[in-house]
Amino acid sequence: MKQKWQRVGMIGAALAFSQSALAEYAYNLPTPASKVAQDVFDLHNLIMLVCLGIFVVVFGAMFYSLLKHRKSVGHKAAHFHENTTVEVIWTVIPFAILMGMAYPAAKVVIDMKDTSNPDMTIKITGYQWKWGYDYLNDGVSFYSTLSTPREQIEGKAEKGEHYLLEVDEPMVVPVGKRVRLLITANDVLHAWWVPALGAKQDAIPGFIRDSWFTADRIGTYRGQCVELCGKDHGFMPIVVEVVSEEDYAAWVAKKKGTAAVAAADNTRTFEMSELVTRGEQVYQANCAACHQANGMGMAGVFPAISGSPVATGPIAAHIDVVMNGKPGTTMAAFAGQLSDADIAAVVTYQRNAWDNKTGDQVQPADIAAARGGASEAAAPAAQ
């Protein structure tokens, strides 16, 4: 008897190992980390079992008929045109199956759409190609951009563990809190999707859609934009870090401290070397996707900055393009995305990088002056 139970234990261990191995190969949906995601996971498995049952019954009957009623064994085809009983059966059974699937599916969809009574609300804005997060309850705002090094993207370095699924600023939320998401877009259609949290919603310019989730456990969960939003659609990942309430409070305090430092930077006068170093970082995060890291752009699609009349011409015109974009093109307006210090740095970098050796410096005060009457409206988004 003891040996029998030992064998059972070994079999159980083997099954557990095989299940973990299957999970490793991602043959199913990601492991759910929220109630909604668990409901979606269970619904998916239920529907797949129903489909499997239909497959077995239909194809089993078909292959049985082919084998047992073939002409080579002497079977002769029956000739009939109508059978009320059969017609009722093949109408009632599919209807019952569909109703059996519709009820749990409708229940899950209704639950996914119920965004009432949130503990906190986060506004999410999609940009080409980054996400903007505004914590409406805590007064925190930031942008989240792909952080995978260009060397990996260009095949010059070995790809990391989270290739194209890593960002410089993850969205951080406390565990166990009901988080409402207000989702929109600034330019084109995007879609915010984190499968492990069961949250997916289109981001549409001019509209605000909502979704929600409550993370059940601490961890890091990754997703992507799942709307074809342009040439760098695949470079727009989402990272959500679920932390304890204490760690979340510490993170909020740190972000507010960072915002205070950024606000102080907007009143500083920088050295040329500081502007160029900071400007290169801003350029790589916001401009290199289109204009390339070497400033040469893409012929016929995105103009080169190296040697361009904008980057070597009047400074005011250069600042205007960076801040307000260029109508009729894919050049975005960065006045509401970047701080005065960041815009000053990136303009300075562009005017002194590659073949652009103008020697010009742009300070945050110049950007504040360029904002003029629009500065007050743009300031909250830039913080």
Protein backbone atom coordinates (compact mmCIF):
# COMPACT_ATOMS: atom_id res chain seq x y z
CA MET A 1 0.00 0.00 0.00
CA LYS A 2 2.85 2.35 0.85
CA GLN A 3 4.49 1.72 -2.52
CA LYS A 4 1.15 2.32 -4.22
CA TRP A 5 0.81 5.76 -2.64
CA GLN A 6 4.42 6.54 -3.47
CA ARG A 7 3.66 5.78 -7.12
CA VAL A 8 0.56 7.99 -6.93
CA GLY A 9 2.67 10.78 -5.45
CA MET A 10 5.24 10.41 -8.22
CA ILE A 11 2.50 10.52 -10.85
CA GLY A 12 1.03 13.65 -9.21
CA ALA A 13 4.44 15.32 -9.16
CA ALA A 14 4.94 14.41 -12.81
CA LEU A 15 1.55 15.90 -13.71
CA ALA A 16 2.33 19.08 -11.79
CA PHE A 17 5.68 19.35 -13.57
CA SER A 18 4.05 18.81 -16.96
CA GLN A 19 1.47 21.50 -16.20
CA SER A 20 4.18 23.97 -15.22
CA ALA A 21 6.09 23.05 -18.37
CA LEU A 22 3.00 23.70 -20.48
CA ALA A 23 2.54 27.05 -18.74
CA GLU A 24 6.15 27.88 -19.52
CA TYR A 25 5.44 27.32 -23.22
CA ALA A 26 2.39 29.62 -22.96
CA TYR A 27 -0.13 27.25 -24.55
CA ASN A 28 -2.88 29.02 -22.63
CA LEU A 29 -3.71 32.56 -21.55
CA PRO A 30 -1.38 34.26 -19.04
CA THR A 31 -1.89 33.38 -15.38
CA PRO A 32 -4.72 35.65 -14.15
CA ALA A 33 -3.83 38.29 -11.57
CA SER A 34 -7.29 39.79 -11.10
CA LYS A 35 -10.87 38.59 -10.71
CA VAL A 36 -11.84 39.79 -14.17
CA ALA A 37 -8.85 38.06 -15.72
CA GLN A 38 -9.73 34.86 -13.83
CA ASP A 39 -13.31 35.06 -15.12
CA VAL A 40 -12.05 35.54 -18.68
CA PHE A 41 -9.63 32.64 -18.22
CA ASP A 42 -12.38 30.33 -16.92
CA LEU A 43 -14.78 31.41 -19.67
CA HIS A 44 -12.12 30.76 -22.30
CA ASN A 45 -11.50 27.26 -20.98
CA LEU A 46 -15.25 26.53 -20.79
CA ILE A 47 -15.86 27.63 -24.39
CA MET A 48 -12.86 25.64 -25.58
CA LEU A 49 -14.27 22.50 -23.87
CA VAL A 50 -17.65 23.09 -25.51
CA CYS A 51 -15.95 23.46 -28.89
CA LEU A 52 -13.96 20.29 -28.23
CA GLY A 53 -17.16 18.41 -27.39
CA ILE A 54 -18.84 19.63 -30.59
CA PHE A 55 -15.75 18.66 -32.57
CA VAL A 56 -15.72 15.14 -31.12
CA VAL A 57 -19.45 14.56 -31.65
CA VAL A 58 -19.64 15.99 -35.18
CA PHE A 59 -16.45 14.50 -36.55
CA GLY A 60 -17.01 11.24 -34.64
CA ALA A 61 -20.41 10.82 -36.29
CA MET A 62 -18.97 11.80 -39.66
CA PHE A 63 -16.05 9.36 -39.55
CA TYR A 64 -18.25 6.60 -38.14
CA SER A 65 -20.65 7.09 -41.04
CA LEU A 66 -17.81 7.07 -43.57
CA LEU A 67 -16.37 3.83 -42.19
CA LYS A 68 -19.51 1.84 -41.39
CA HIS A 69 -21.77 2.97 -44.21
CA ARG A 70 -19.43 2.99 -47.17
CA LYS A 71 -20.34 1.37 -50.46
CA SER A 72 -17.39 -1.07 -50.35
CA VAL A 73 -18.99 -2.98 -47.45
CA GLY A 74 -22.29 -3.25 -49.28
CA HIS A 75 -24.13 -0.38 -47.63
CA LYS A 76 -26.75 1.33 -49.72
CA ALA A 77 -27.70 4.96 -49.28
CA ALA A 78 -31.13 5.69 -47.87
CA HIS A 79 -33.41 8.02 -49.80
CA PHE A 80 -35.46 10.47 -47.72
CA HIS A 81 -36.22 14.16 -47.87
CA GLU A 82 -37.84 15.24 -44.63
CA ASN A 83 -37.70 14.19 -40.99
CA THR A 84 -39.36 16.51 -38.51
CA THR A 85 -37.77 14.86 -35.49
CA VAL A 86 -34.23 15.29 -36.87
CA GLU A 87 -34.89 18.90 -37.82
CA VAL A 88 -36.20 19.71 -34.34
CA ILE A 89 -33.18 18.00 -32.75
CA TRP A 90 -30.59 19.84 -34.83
CA THR A 91 -32.35 23.13 -34.10
CA VAL A 92 -32.94 22.71 -30.36
CA ILE A 93 -29.52 21.30 -29.44
CA PRO A 94 -27.43 24.13 -31.05
CA PHE A 95 -29.82 26.69 -29.54
CA ALA A 96 -29.36 25.18 -26.09
CA ILE A 97 -25.57 25.14 -26.54
CA LEU A 98 -25.53 28.77 -27.61
CA MET A 99 -27.69 29.82 -24.67
CA GLY A 100 -25.45 27.84 -22.34
CA MET A 101 -22.43 29.79 -23.62
CA ALA A 102 -24.19 33.16 -23.82
CA TYR A 103 -25.13 33.33 -20.14
CA PRO A 104 -21.60 33.07 -18.63
CA ALA A 105 -20.18 35.22 -21.45
CA ALA A 106 -22.72 37.99 -20.85
CA LYS A 107 -22.07 37.82 -17.12
CA VAL A 108 -18.32 38.31 -17.63
CA VAL A 109 -18.79 41.16 -20.14
CA ILE A 110 -21.19 43.01 -17.82
CA ASP A 111 -18.71 42.64 -14.96
CA MET A 112 -15.89 43.97 -17.16
CA LYS A 113 -17.95 47.07 -17.98
CA ASP A 114 -18.93 47.86 -14.38
CA THR A 115 -16.50 50.63 -13.39
CA SER A 116 -18.50 51.89 -10.40
CA ASN A 117 -17.13 52.55 -6.90
CA PRO A 118 -13.40 52.79 -7.72
CA ASP A 119 -10.77 53.27 -5.03
CA MET A 120 -8.65 55.33 -7.44
CA THR A 121 -8.86 56.66 -11.00
CA ILE A 122 -6.08 56.89 -13.57
CA LYS A 123 -6.41 58.69 -16.88
CA ILE A 124 -4.43 56.98 -19.65
CA THR A 125 -3.61 58.80 -22.90
CA GLY A 126 -2.09 57.08 -25.92
CA TYR A 127 0.50 58.92 -28.02
CA GLN A 128 2.66 57.86 -30.95
CA TRP A 129 4.39 55.96 -29.34
CA LYS A 130 4.11 56.22 -25.57
CA TRP A 131 1.52 56.27 -22.80
CA GLY A 132 0.67 59.18 -20.54
CA TYR A 133 -0.63 58.48 -17.00
CA ASP A 134 -2.48 60.99 -14.81
CA TYR A 135 -3.35 59.83 -11.28
CA LEU A 136 -6.44 61.93 -10.63
CA ASN A 137 -6.57 61.13 -6.91
CA ASP A 138 -2.89 61.63 -6.12
CA GLY A 139 -1.83 64.45 -8.44
CA VAL A 140 0.88 62.42 -10.19
CA SER A 141 1.51 62.61 -13.96
CA PHE A 142 4.18 61.05 -16.15
CA TYR A 143 4.90 59.45 -19.53
CA SER A 144 5.88 55.83 -20.07
CA THR A 145 8.17 55.06 -23.00
CA LEU A 146 9.85 51.94 -24.34
CA SER A 147 13.24 51.46 -22.66
CA THR A 148 14.65 48.60 -24.76
CA PRO A 149 18.06 49.85 -26.01
CA ARG A 150 18.28 50.75 -29.70
CA GLU A 151 21.23 48.36 -30.00
CA GLN A 152 18.90 45.43 -29.27
CA ILE A 153 16.24 46.69 -31.68
CA GLU A 154 18.82 47.09 -34.45
CA GLY A 155 20.30 43.64 -33.79
CA LYS A 156 23.63 44.97 -32.56
CA ALA A 157 23.25 43.51 -29.05
CA GLU A 158 21.71 40.41 -27.53
CA LYS A 159 18.01 40.81 -26.79
CA GLY A 160 17.05 41.10 -23.12
CA GLU A 161 14.55 39.03 -21.18
CA HIS A 162 11.75 41.55 -21.65
CA TYR A 163 12.63 42.70 -25.16
CA LEU A 164 10.12 45.37 -26.33
CA LEU A 165 8.11 44.85 -23.12
CA GLU A 166 10.05 47.20 -20.81
CA VAL A 167 9.49 50.88 -20.07
CA ASP A 168 11.28 53.70 -18.32
CA GLU A 169 8.28 54.59 -16.11
CA PRO A 170 5.84 51.76 -15.24
CA MET A 171 2.32 52.38 -14.02
CA VAL A 172 2.24 51.64 -10.28
CA VAL A 173 -0.91 50.65 -8.36
CA PRO A 174 -1.58 49.24 -4.88
CA VAL A 175 -2.65 45.61 -4.53
CA GLY A 176 -6.31 44.93 -3.75
CA LYS A 177 -7.56 48.36 -4.84
CA ARG A 178 -10.26 48.82 -7.48
CA VAL A 179 -8.59 50.92 -10.18
CA ARG A 180 -10.74 52.74 -12.73
CA LEU A 181 -9.06 53.57 -16.04
CA LEU A 182 -10.16 56.51 -18.21
CA ILE A 183 -8.62 55.82 -21.60
CA THR A 184 -8.24 58.18 -24.55
CA ALA A 185 -5.73 59.08 -27.28
CA ASN A 186 -4.00 62.23 -28.43
CA ASP A 187 -3.41 61.44 -32.10
CA VAL A 188 -4.54 58.12 -33.60
CA LEU A 189 -6.30 54.99 -32.37
CA HIS A 190 -4.48 53.02 -29.68
CA ALA A 191 -5.59 50.23 -27.32
CA TRP A 192 -4.45 49.65 -23.74
CA TRP A 193 -4.19 45.94 -22.90
CA VAL A 194 -2.69 44.00 -19.99
CA PRO A 195 -3.95 40.40 -20.31
CA ALA A 196 -2.99 39.24 -16.80
CA LEU A 197 -5.20 41.99 -15.34
CA GLY A 198 -8.12 41.42 -17.71
CA ALA A 199 -8.12 45.06 -18.85
CA LYS A 200 -8.39 45.97 -22.54
CA GLN A 201 -9.93 49.11 -23.99
CA ASP A 202 -9.55 51.10 -27.21
CA ALA A 203 -8.09 54.61 -26.91
CA ILE A 204 -9.93 56.91 -29.31
CA PRO A 205 -9.05 60.57 -29.92
CA GLY A 206 -11.86 62.84 -28.70
CA PHE A 207 -13.52 60.11 -26.62
CA ILE A 208 -12.97 58.75 -23.12
CA ARG A 209 -13.58 55.04 -22.63
CA ASP A 210 -13.27 53.34 -19.27
CA SER A 211 -12.20 50.01 -17.84
CA TRP A 212 -11.10 48.68 -14.45
CA PHE A 213 -9.16 46.02 -12.61
CA THR A 214 -8.29 44.94 -9.09
CA ALA A 215 -4.91 43.22 -8.88
CA ASP A 216 -5.01 40.25 -6.53
CA ARG A 217 -1.30 39.92 -5.92
CA ILE A 218 1.91 41.91 -5.99
CA GLY A 219 3.97 41.60 -9.16
CA THR A 220 4.89 43.07 -12.54
CA TYR A 221 2.44 42.63 -15.42
CA ARG A 222 3.15 43.48 -19.04
CA GLY A 223 1.02 44.32 -22.04
CA GLN A 224 1.08 46.21 -25.32
CA CYS A 225 -0.85 48.58 -27.52
CA VAL A 226 -3.07 46.27 -29.59
CA GLU A 227 -4.28 48.77 -32.17
CA LEU A 228 -2.22 49.30 -35.32
CA CYS A 229 -1.17 52.88 -34.54
CA GLY A 230 1.73 53.46 -36.94
CA LYS A 231 5.19 52.27 -37.89
CA ASP A 232 6.35 51.85 -34.29
CA HIS A 233 3.15 50.19 -33.09
CA GLY A 234 5.22 47.27 -31.74
CA PHE A 235 7.36 49.66 -29.66
CA MET A 236 4.56 50.81 -27.34
CA PRO A 237 4.56 48.43 -24.35
CA ILE A 238 2.70 48.69 -21.06
CA VAL A 239 4.12 47.73 -17.66
CA VAL A 240 2.01 47.70 -14.49
CA GLU A 241 3.72 47.21 -11.14
CA VAL A 242 1.42 46.09 -8.34
CA VAL A 243 2.87 46.94 -4.93
CA SER A 244 1.79 47.07 -1.29
CA GLU A 245 -0.09 50.12 -0.02
CA GLU A 246 3.00 51.24 1.91
CA ASP A 247 5.22 50.99 -1.18
CA TYR A 248 2.60 52.79 -3.24
CA ALA A 249 2.50 55.70 -0.78
CA ALA A 250 6.31 55.89 -0.91
CA TRP A 251 6.21 55.85 -4.73
CA VAL A 252 3.68 58.71 -4.82
CA ALA A 253 5.87 60.77 -2.50
CA LYS A 254 8.92 60.08 -4.66
CA LYS A 255 7.06 61.05 -7.85
CA LYS A 256 5.93 64.31 -6.29
CA GLY A 257 9.51 65.02 -5.28
CA THR A 258 10.66 64.33 -8.83
CA ALA A 259 7.97 66.69 -10.15
CA ALA A 260 9.23 69.39 -7.79
CA VAL A 261 12.79 68.92 -9.10
CA ALA A 262 11.49 69.08 -12.68
CA ALA A 263 9.65 72.30 -11.89
CA ALA A 264 12.85 73.74 -10.41
CA ASP A 265 14.74 72.74 -13.59
CA ASN A 266 12.35 74.91 -15.60
CA THR A 267 13.77 77.97 -13.86
CA ARG A 268 17.45 77.00 -14.08
CA THR A 269 20.15 78.13 -16.47
CA PHE A 270 22.05 75.10 -17.78
CA GLU A 271 25.57 74.70 -19.06
CA MET A 272 25.96 73.63 -22.69
CA SER A 273 27.24 70.17 -21.69
CA GLU A 274 24.22 69.62 -19.41
CA LEU A 275 21.82 70.60 -22.18
CA VAL A 276 23.46 68.29 -24.73
CA THR A 277 23.56 65.30 -22.37
CA ARG A 278 19.96 65.75 -21.30
CA GLY A 279 18.87 66.55 -24.83
CA GLU A 280 20.32 63.31 -26.18
CA GLN A 281 18.31 61.33 -23.63
CA VAL A 282 15.12 63.20 -24.56
CA TYR A 283 15.85 62.71 -28.26
CA GLN A 284 16.40 58.96 -27.93
CA ALA A 285 13.16 58.56 -25.97
CA ASN A 286 10.95 60.76 -28.16
CA CYS A 287 12.49 61.46 -31.57
CA ALA A 288 14.80 58.61 -32.59
CA ALA A 289 11.95 56.29 -33.56
CA CYS A 290 11.18 58.48 -36.59
CA HIS A 291 14.29 60.58 -37.22
CA GLN A 292 16.71 57.73 -36.32
CA ALA A 293 19.46 57.80 -33.72
CA ASN A 294 21.88 59.26 -36.29
CA GLY A 295 19.49 62.09 -37.21
CA MET A 296 19.23 60.93 -40.82
CA GLY A 297 15.50 60.17 -40.78
CA MET A 298 13.87 57.88 -43.33
CA ALA A 299 13.90 59.02 -46.94
CA GLY A 300 10.43 59.94 -48.17
CA VAL A 301 8.86 59.32 -44.76
CA PHE A 302 10.61 61.26 -41.98
CA PRO A 303 12.99 64.14 -42.80
CA ALA A 304 16.57 64.17 -41.58
CA ILE A 305 17.45 66.53 -38.74
CA SER A 306 21.16 66.42 -39.51
CA GLY A 307 21.79 69.32 -41.87
CA SER A 308 18.10 70.28 -42.00
CA PRO A 309 17.09 73.93 -42.52
CA VAL A 310 14.99 73.73 -39.34
CA ALA A 311 17.81 72.59 -37.06
CA THR A 312 20.31 75.01 -38.59
CA GLY A 313 17.96 77.93 -39.20
CA PRO A 314 16.29 80.43 -36.88
CA ILE A 315 15.99 79.11 -33.32
CA ALA A 316 12.43 80.41 -32.89
CA ALA A 317 11.21 78.36 -35.87
CA HIS A 318 12.96 75.25 -34.52
CA ILE A 319 11.35 75.68 -31.09
CA ASP A 320 7.94 76.20 -32.73
CA VAL A 321 8.16 72.90 -34.65
CA VAL A 322 9.17 70.92 -31.56
CA MET A 323 6.50 72.51 -29.37
CA ASN A 324 3.58 72.67 -31.80
CA GLY A 325 4.33 70.00 -34.37
CA LYS A 326 3.80 70.43 -38.08
CA PRO A 327 0.24 70.30 -39.49
CA GLY A 328 -0.31 67.78 -42.25
CA THR A 329 2.57 65.57 -41.11
CA THR A 330 3.19 62.97 -38.41
CA MET A 331 5.31 65.47 -36.44
CA ALA A 332 3.65 65.57 -33.01
CA ALA A 333 3.37 68.59 -30.73
CA PHE A 334 5.54 68.14 -27.62
CA ALA A 335 4.48 71.30 -25.76
CA GLY A 336 2.17 69.27 -23.54
CA GLN A 337 4.42 66.21 -23.29
CA LEU A 338 7.80 67.67 -22.35
CA SER A 339 8.85 70.20 -19.74
CA ASP A 340 10.49 73.51 -20.64
CA ALA A 341 13.87 72.08 -19.59
CA ASP A 342 13.45 68.98 -21.76
CA ILE A 343 12.39 70.97 -24.83
CA ALA A 344 15.30 73.38 -24.35
CA ALA A 345 17.69 70.45 -24.01
CA VAL A 346 16.46 68.54 -27.08
CA VAL A 347 16.50 71.65 -29.28
CA THR A 348 20.04 72.43 -28.10
CA TYR A 349 21.09 68.83 -28.78
CA GLN A 350 19.60 68.81 -32.28
CA ARG A 351 21.30 72.09 -33.16
CA ASN A 352 24.71 70.77 -32.07
CA ALA A 353 24.62 67.06 -32.97
CA TRP A 354 25.77 65.29 -36.16
CA ASP A 355 26.48 67.92 -38.86
CA ASN A 356 24.63 70.67 -37.01
CA LYS A 357 27.46 72.55 -35.31
CA THR A 358 25.63 75.82 -34.69
CA GLY A 359 26.89 76.37 -31.15
CA ASP A 360 23.42 77.58 -30.14
CA GLN A 361 22.01 77.15 -26.64
CA VAL A 362 18.36 77.19 -25.67
CA GLN A 363 17.40 77.68 -22.03
CA PRO A 364 14.11 76.80 -20.26
CA ALA A 365 13.34 80.52 -20.02
CA ASP A 366 13.30 80.67 -23.84
CA ILE A 367 10.71 77.89 -23.95
CA ALA A 368 8.60 79.58 -21.28
CA ALA A 369 8.67 82.77 -23.38
CA ALA A 370 7.68 80.77 -26.49
CA ARG A 371 4.72 79.29 -24.67
CA GLY A 372 3.37 82.79 -24.05
CA GLY A 373 -0.29 82.75 -23.06
CA ALA A 374 -0.48 78.95 -23.55
CA SER A 375 2.09 78.26 -20.83
CA GLU A 376 -0.43 78.02 -17.99
CA ALA A 377 -2.59 75.51 -19.88
CA ALA A 378 0.39 73.41 -20.84
CA ALA A 379 2.12 73.43 -17.48
CA PRO A 380 0.09 70.67 -15.72
CA ALA A 381 0.71 68.20 -18.54
CA ALA A 382 4.40 68.97 -18.56
CA GLN A 383 4.92 68.29 -14.88
